[in-house]
Amino acid sequence: MKRIFIAVKVEPGEPLLQMISSLKTGLRNENVKWTNPGNIHITLSFPGDTGEEKIKPVIAMLNERCEGFGKFEFIIKGAGVFKNLSDPRVIWTGIEPSRELEHLNEVIVTGLKNINIGIENRPFRPHLTLGRIKNLKDKNVLKLLLDEFQNSEIQKVPVDEVILYESILLQTGPVYQPLSISKL
């Protein structure tokens, strides 16, 4: 069994790194597990634990579905939290609505269903996870930091490939091992 997910890798540029630095500085007295900048990505689908025998069909499907899709770009914009400000769990930065990204997600989800790979049944909400909140003493500081980035365009992201990753969970944090790269 491999714990897999399909994603678009995001190379953080200076504006995104500055945003992360600002959040870390503002929340330095809080218990937040920050995402390693090298692990930043947008998850297109998370099949999770998948038998070894199903990996090759997933790779073949991705290569077929991605070929000729075409390169595009999207814009990282704004910031927020998942669950909510009363009970924040994840700090994220969002994506300006992108028809291409939504369509890429649909194409991949349909492809996974066609080869009988189970996936989470929830709406696609593209975002970049920046940190996971373990404990928060001062929610007002978090709100002020999020307000600072509320409608800010942070960075353009070029997309020319989709990556199938294995997520290996270690004590030090997850390691994302690419299993295949499918060019668009």
C-alpha atoms as a PDB file:
ATOM      1  CA  MET A   1       0.000   0.000   0.000  1.00  0.00           C
ATOM      2  CA  LYS A   2       1.118   3.499  -0.831  1.00  0.00           C
ATOM      3  CA  ARG A   3      -0.520   6.691   0.442  1.00  0.00           C
ATOM      4  CA  ILE A   4      -0.861   8.668  -2.804  1.00  0.00           C
ATOM      5  CA  PHE A   5      -2.128  12.002  -4.027  1.00  0.00           C
ATOM      6  CA  ILE A   6      -2.140  13.880  -7.325  1.00  0.00           C
ATOM      7  CA  ALA A   7      -1.003  17.492  -7.284  1.00  0.00           C
ATOM      8  CA  VAL A   8       0.365  20.553  -9.004  1.00  0.00           C
ATOM      9  CA  LYS A   9       3.699  21.573  -7.474  1.00  0.00           C
ATOM     10  CA  VAL A  10       4.071  25.235  -6.545  1.00  0.00           C
ATOM     11  CA  GLU A  11       7.537  26.779  -6.488  1.00  0.00           C
ATOM     12  CA  PRO A  12       7.259  29.565  -3.906  1.00  0.00           C
ATOM     13  CA  GLY A  13       8.491  32.872  -5.271  1.00  0.00           C
ATOM     14  CA  GLU A  14       9.614  35.851  -3.225  1.00  0.00           C
ATOM     15  CA  PRO A  15       6.070  37.239  -2.609  1.00  0.00           C
ATOM     16  CA  LEU A  16       4.792  33.886  -1.267  1.00  0.00           C
ATOM     17  CA  LEU A  17       7.925  33.389   0.851  1.00  0.00           C
ATOM     18  CA  GLN A  18       7.482  36.916   2.264  1.00  0.00           C
ATOM     19  CA  MET A  19       3.840  36.160   3.104  1.00  0.00           C
ATOM     20  CA  ILE A  20       4.854  32.949   4.899  1.00  0.00           C
ATOM     21  CA  SER A  21       7.619  34.802   6.758  1.00  0.00           C
ATOM     22  CA  SER A  22       5.169  37.488   7.844  1.00  0.00           C
ATOM     23  CA  LEU A  23       2.702  34.869   9.123  1.00  0.00           C
ATOM     24  CA  LYS A  24       5.447  32.984  10.962  1.00  0.00           C
ATOM     25  CA  THR A  25       6.744  36.180  12.576  1.00  0.00           C
ATOM     26  CA  GLY A  26       3.262  37.304  13.617  1.00  0.00           C
ATOM     27  CA  LEU A  27       2.425  33.877  15.029  1.00  0.00           C
ATOM     28  CA  ARG A  28       5.870  33.091  16.494  1.00  0.00           C
ATOM     29  CA  ASN A  29       4.387  32.646  19.990  1.00  0.00           C
ATOM     30  CA  GLU A  30       1.711  30.225  18.756  1.00  0.00           C
ATOM     31  CA  ASN A  31       1.865  26.473  18.253  1.00  0.00           C
ATOM     32  CA  VAL A  32       1.749  26.153  14.437  1.00  0.00           C
ATOM     33  CA  LYS A  33       3.368  23.387  12.354  1.00  0.00           C
ATOM     34  CA  TRP A  34       4.471  25.218   9.194  1.00  0.00           C
ATOM     35  CA  THR A  35       4.560  23.545   5.793  1.00  0.00           C
ATOM     36  CA  ASN A  36       8.029  23.084   4.368  1.00  0.00           C
ATOM     37  CA  PRO A  37       8.138  25.494   1.356  1.00  0.00           C
ATOM     38  CA  GLY A  38       9.504  22.619  -0.767  1.00  0.00           C
ATOM     39  CA  ASN A  39       6.286  20.667  -0.098  1.00  0.00           C
ATOM     40  CA  ILE A  40       3.839  23.365  -1.212  1.00  0.00           C
ATOM     41  CA  HIS A  41       1.339  22.070  -3.774  1.00  0.00           C
ATOM     42  CA  ILE A  42      -2.308  22.062  -4.810  1.00  0.00           C
ATOM     43  CA  THR A  43      -3.923  18.687  -4.319  1.00  0.00           C
ATOM     44  CA  LEU A  44      -6.058  17.726  -7.323  1.00  0.00           C
ATOM     45  CA  SER A  45      -7.106  14.384  -5.828  1.00  0.00           C
ATOM     46  CA  PHE A  46      -6.244  12.342  -2.756  1.00  0.00           C
ATOM     47  CA  PRO A  47      -6.867   8.627  -3.287  1.00  0.00           C
ATOM     48  CA  GLY A  48      -4.951   7.878  -0.068  1.00  0.00           C
ATOM     49  CA  ASP A  49      -3.937   4.281   0.694  1.00  0.00           C
ATOM     50  CA  THR A  50      -3.755   2.508  -2.654  1.00  0.00           C
ATOM     51  CA  GLY A  51      -2.584  -1.011  -3.500  1.00  0.00           C
ATOM     52  CA  GLU A  52       0.692  -1.315  -5.398  1.00  0.00           C
ATOM     53  CA  GLU A  53      -1.100  -3.030  -8.302  1.00  0.00           C
ATOM     54  CA  LYS A  54      -3.198   0.106  -8.888  1.00  0.00           C
ATOM     55  CA  ILE A  55      -0.275   2.553  -9.169  1.00  0.00           C
ATOM     56  CA  LYS A  56       0.593   1.711 -12.812  1.00  0.00           C
ATOM     57  CA  PRO A  57      -3.040   2.167 -13.987  1.00  0.00           C
ATOM     58  CA  VAL A  58      -3.138   5.554 -12.186  1.00  0.00           C
ATOM     59  CA  ILE A  59       0.102   6.616 -13.925  1.00  0.00           C
ATOM     60  CA  ALA A  60      -1.226   5.475 -17.324  1.00  0.00           C
ATOM     61  CA  MET A  61      -4.495   7.347 -16.758  1.00  0.00           C
ATOM     62  CA  LEU A  62      -2.646  10.539 -15.764  1.00  0.00           C
ATOM     63  CA  ASN A  63      -0.380  10.381 -18.806  1.00  0.00           C
ATOM     64  CA  GLU A  64      -3.380   9.866 -21.094  1.00  0.00           C
ATOM     65  CA  ARG A  65      -5.564  12.554 -19.497  1.00  0.00           C
ATOM     66  CA  CYS A  66      -2.811  15.175 -19.184  1.00  0.00           C
ATOM     67  CA  GLU A  67      -1.301  14.778 -22.648  1.00  0.00           C
ATOM     68  CA  GLY A  68      -2.391  17.716 -24.773  1.00  0.00           C
ATOM     69  CA  PHE A  69      -4.276  19.402 -21.915  1.00  0.00           C
ATOM     70  CA  GLY A  70      -2.138  22.493 -22.387  1.00  0.00           C
ATOM     71  CA  LYS A  71      -0.043  24.658 -20.104  1.00  0.00           C
ATOM     72  CA  PHE A  72      -1.737  27.405 -18.097  1.00  0.00           C
ATOM     73  CA  GLU A  73      -1.201  29.568 -15.039  1.00  0.00           C
ATOM     74  CA  PHE A  74      -3.198  30.587 -12.009  1.00  0.00           C
ATOM     75  CA  ILE A  75      -2.844  33.271  -9.343  1.00  0.00           C
ATOM     76  CA  ILE A  76      -2.325  32.678  -5.624  1.00  0.00           C
ATOM     77  CA  LYS A  77      -4.547  35.167  -3.841  1.00  0.00           C
ATOM     78  CA  GLY A  78      -5.674  35.931  -0.313  1.00  0.00           C
ATOM     79  CA  ALA A  79      -5.477  33.958   2.924  1.00  0.00           C
ATOM     80  CA  GLY A  80      -7.784  32.230   5.341  1.00  0.00           C
ATOM     81  CA  VAL A  81      -8.304  29.316   7.707  1.00  0.00           C
ATOM     82  CA  PHE A  82     -10.108  26.015   7.661  1.00  0.00           C
ATOM     83  CA  LYS A  83     -12.480  25.241  10.024  1.00  0.00           C
ATOM     84  CA  ASN A  84     -13.177  28.905  10.940  1.00  0.00           C
ATOM     85  CA  LEU A  85     -11.704  31.807  12.923  1.00  0.00           C
ATOM     86  CA  SER A  86     -13.394  30.569  16.110  1.00  0.00           C
ATOM     87  CA  ASP A  87     -11.697  27.175  15.746  1.00  0.00           C
ATOM     88  CA  PRO A  88      -8.850  27.555  13.209  1.00  0.00           C
ATOM     89  CA  ARG A  89      -7.022  24.374  12.202  1.00  0.00           C
ATOM     90  CA  VAL A  90      -5.282  25.150   8.877  1.00  0.00           C
ATOM     91  CA  ILE A  91      -3.814  28.415   7.563  1.00  0.00           C
ATOM     92  CA  TRP A  92      -4.024  28.608   3.768  1.00  0.00           C
ATOM     93  CA  THR A  93      -3.596  30.905   0.842  1.00  0.00           C
ATOM     94  CA  GLY A  94      -6.184  30.691  -1.887  1.00  0.00           C
ATOM     95  CA  ILE A  95      -6.359  30.575  -5.642  1.00  0.00           C
ATOM     96  CA  GLU A  96      -8.125  33.084  -7.852  1.00  0.00           C
ATOM     97  CA  PRO A  97     -10.823  31.081  -9.674  1.00  0.00           C
ATOM     98  CA  SER A  98      -9.228  29.236 -12.589  1.00  0.00           C
ATOM     99  CA  ARG A  99     -11.320  27.391 -15.199  1.00  0.00           C
ATOM    100  CA  GLU A 100      -8.234  25.463 -16.318  1.00  0.00           C
ATOM    101  CA  LEU A 101      -7.420  24.240 -12.813  1.00  0.00           C
ATOM    102  CA  GLU A 102     -11.061  23.255 -12.197  1.00  0.00           C
ATOM    103  CA  HIS A 103     -11.167  21.427 -15.531  1.00  0.00           C
ATOM    104  CA  LEU A 104      -7.884  19.630 -14.802  1.00  0.00           C
ATOM    105  CA  ASN A 105      -9.338  18.449 -11.488  1.00  0.00           C
ATOM    106  CA  GLU A 106     -12.526  17.197 -13.213  1.00  0.00           C
ATOM    107  CA  VAL A 107     -10.541  15.335 -15.885  1.00  0.00           C
ATOM    108  CA  ILE A 108      -8.410  13.580 -13.257  1.00  0.00           C
ATOM    109  CA  VAL A 109     -11.292  12.747 -10.900  1.00  0.00           C
ATOM    110  CA  THR A 110     -13.257  11.273 -13.818  1.00  0.00           C
ATOM    111  CA  GLY A 111     -10.188   9.280 -14.880  1.00  0.00           C
ATOM    112  CA  LEU A 112      -9.752   7.874 -11.360  1.00  0.00           C
ATOM    113  CA  LYS A 113     -13.416   6.861 -11.182  1.00  0.00           C
ATOM    114  CA  ASN A 114     -13.125   5.167 -14.584  1.00  0.00           C
ATOM    115  CA  ILE A 115     -10.337   2.919 -13.272  1.00  0.00           C
ATOM    116  CA  ASN A 116     -12.149   2.272  -9.971  1.00  0.00           C
ATOM    117  CA  ILE A 117      -9.893   4.277  -7.695  1.00  0.00           C
ATOM    118  CA  GLY A 118     -11.770   5.548  -4.662  1.00  0.00           C
ATOM    119  CA  ILE A 119     -11.428   9.218  -3.792  1.00  0.00           C
ATOM    120  CA  GLU A 120     -12.814  11.637  -1.244  1.00  0.00           C
ATOM    121  CA  ASN A 121     -16.224  12.866  -2.273  1.00  0.00           C
ATOM    122  CA  ARG A 122     -15.962  16.568  -1.543  1.00  0.00           C
ATOM    123  CA  PRO A 123     -15.907  19.763  -3.568  1.00  0.00           C
ATOM    124  CA  PHE A 124     -12.616  20.905  -5.085  1.00  0.00           C
ATOM    125  CA  ARG A 125     -11.361  23.885  -3.056  1.00  0.00           C
ATOM    126  CA  PRO A 126      -7.905  24.707  -4.428  1.00  0.00           C
ATOM    127  CA  HIS A 127      -5.600  26.155  -1.790  1.00  0.00           C
ATOM    128  CA  LEU A 128      -2.059  25.939  -0.484  1.00  0.00           C
ATOM    129  CA  THR A 129      -1.726  24.736   3.101  1.00  0.00           C
ATOM    130  CA  LEU A 130       0.783  27.007   4.837  1.00  0.00           C
ATOM    131  CA  GLY A 131       0.470  25.748   8.392  1.00  0.00           C
ATOM    132  CA  ARG A 132      -1.499  23.510  10.742  1.00  0.00           C
ATOM    133  CA  ILE A 133      -2.550  25.103  14.000  1.00  0.00           C
ATOM    134  CA  LYS A 134      -1.904  22.917  17.047  1.00  0.00           C
ATOM    135  CA  ASN A 135      -2.902  25.526  19.615  1.00  0.00           C
ATOM    136  CA  LEU A 136      -3.727  29.230  19.337  1.00  0.00           C
ATOM    137  CA  LYS A 137      -3.710  31.631  22.276  1.00  0.00           C
ATOM    138  CA  ASP A 138      -4.496  34.867  20.393  1.00  0.00           C
ATOM    139  CA  LYS A 139      -7.019  34.582  17.554  1.00  0.00           C
ATOM    140  CA  ASN A 140      -7.000  38.361  17.055  1.00  0.00           C
ATOM    141  CA  VAL A 141      -3.381  38.307  15.874  1.00  0.00           C
ATOM    142  CA  LEU A 142      -4.296  35.589  13.356  1.00  0.00           C
ATOM    143  CA  LYS A 143      -7.298  37.617  12.128  1.00  0.00           C
ATOM    144  CA  LEU A 144      -5.162  40.756  11.655  1.00  0.00           C
ATOM    145  CA  LEU A 145      -2.540  38.790   9.695  1.00  0.00           C
ATOM    146  CA  LEU A 146      -5.177  37.180   7.468  1.00  0.00           C
ATOM    147  CA  ASP A 147      -6.850  40.564   6.868  1.00  0.00           C
ATOM    148  CA  GLU A 148      -3.485  41.922   5.685  1.00  0.00           C
ATOM    149  CA  PHE A 149      -3.488  39.387   2.809  1.00  0.00           C
ATOM    150  CA  GLN A 150      -7.260  39.161   2.278  1.00  0.00           C
ATOM    151  CA  ASN A 151      -7.451  40.345  -1.340  1.00  0.00           C
ATOM    152  CA  SER A 152      -3.760  40.427  -2.204  1.00  0.00           C
ATOM    153  CA  GLU A 153      -2.506  38.787  -5.368  1.00  0.00           C
ATOM    154  CA  ILE A 154       0.514  36.905  -4.117  1.00  0.00           C
ATOM    155  CA  GLN A 155       2.079  35.071  -7.065  1.00  0.00           C
ATOM    156  CA  LYS A 156       1.412  33.677 -10.545  1.00  0.00           C
ATOM    157  CA  VAL A 157       2.013  29.943 -10.850  1.00  0.00           C
ATOM    158  CA  PRO A 158       2.797  28.322 -14.214  1.00  0.00           C
ATOM    159  CA  VAL A 159       1.384  24.800 -14.610  1.00  0.00           C
ATOM    160  CA  ASP A 160       2.920  22.435 -17.147  1.00  0.00           C
ATOM    161  CA  GLU A 161       2.748  19.094 -15.312  1.00  0.00           C
ATOM    162  CA  VAL A 162       0.822  17.012 -12.812  1.00  0.00           C
ATOM    163  CA  ILE A 163       2.663  14.887 -10.263  1.00  0.00           C
ATOM    164  CA  LEU A 164       1.603  11.631  -8.632  1.00  0.00           C
ATOM    165  CA  TYR A 165       3.138  11.643  -5.163  1.00  0.00           C
ATOM    166  CA  GLU A 166       3.541   9.087  -2.437  1.00  0.00           C
ATOM    167  CA  SER A 167       3.124  10.694   0.978  1.00  0.00           C
ATOM    168  CA  ILE A 168       5.455   9.108   3.502  1.00  0.00           C
ATOM    169  CA  LEU A 169       4.584  10.135   7.045  1.00  0.00           C
ATOM    170  CA  LEU A 170       7.600  10.572   9.320  1.00  0.00           C
ATOM    171  CA  GLN A 171       7.982  11.990  12.842  1.00  0.00           C
ATOM    172  CA  THR A 172       9.707  15.034  11.344  1.00  0.00           C
ATOM    173  CA  GLY A 173       6.802  15.635   8.925  1.00  0.00           C
ATOM    174  CA  PRO A 174       5.600  14.246   5.615  1.00  0.00           C
ATOM    175  CA  VAL A 175       7.951  13.483   2.745  1.00  0.00           C
ATOM    176  CA  TYR A 176       6.392  13.710  -0.720  1.00  0.00           C
ATOM    177  CA  GLN A 177       8.063  11.285  -3.123  1.00  0.00           C
ATOM    178  CA  PRO A 178       7.193  11.796  -6.817  1.00  0.00           C
ATOM    179  CA  LEU A 179       6.085   8.507  -8.424  1.00  0.00           C
ATOM    180  CA  SER A 180       5.372   9.981 -11.866  1.00  0.00           C
ATOM    181  CA  ILE A 181       5.211  13.278 -13.724  1.00  0.00           C
ATOM    182  CA  SER A 182       2.639  13.800 -16.466  1.00  0.00           C
ATOM    183  CA  LYS A 183       3.289  16.717 -18.826  1.00  0.00           C
ATOM    184  CA  LEU A 184       0.355  18.873 -19.918  1.00  0.00           C
END
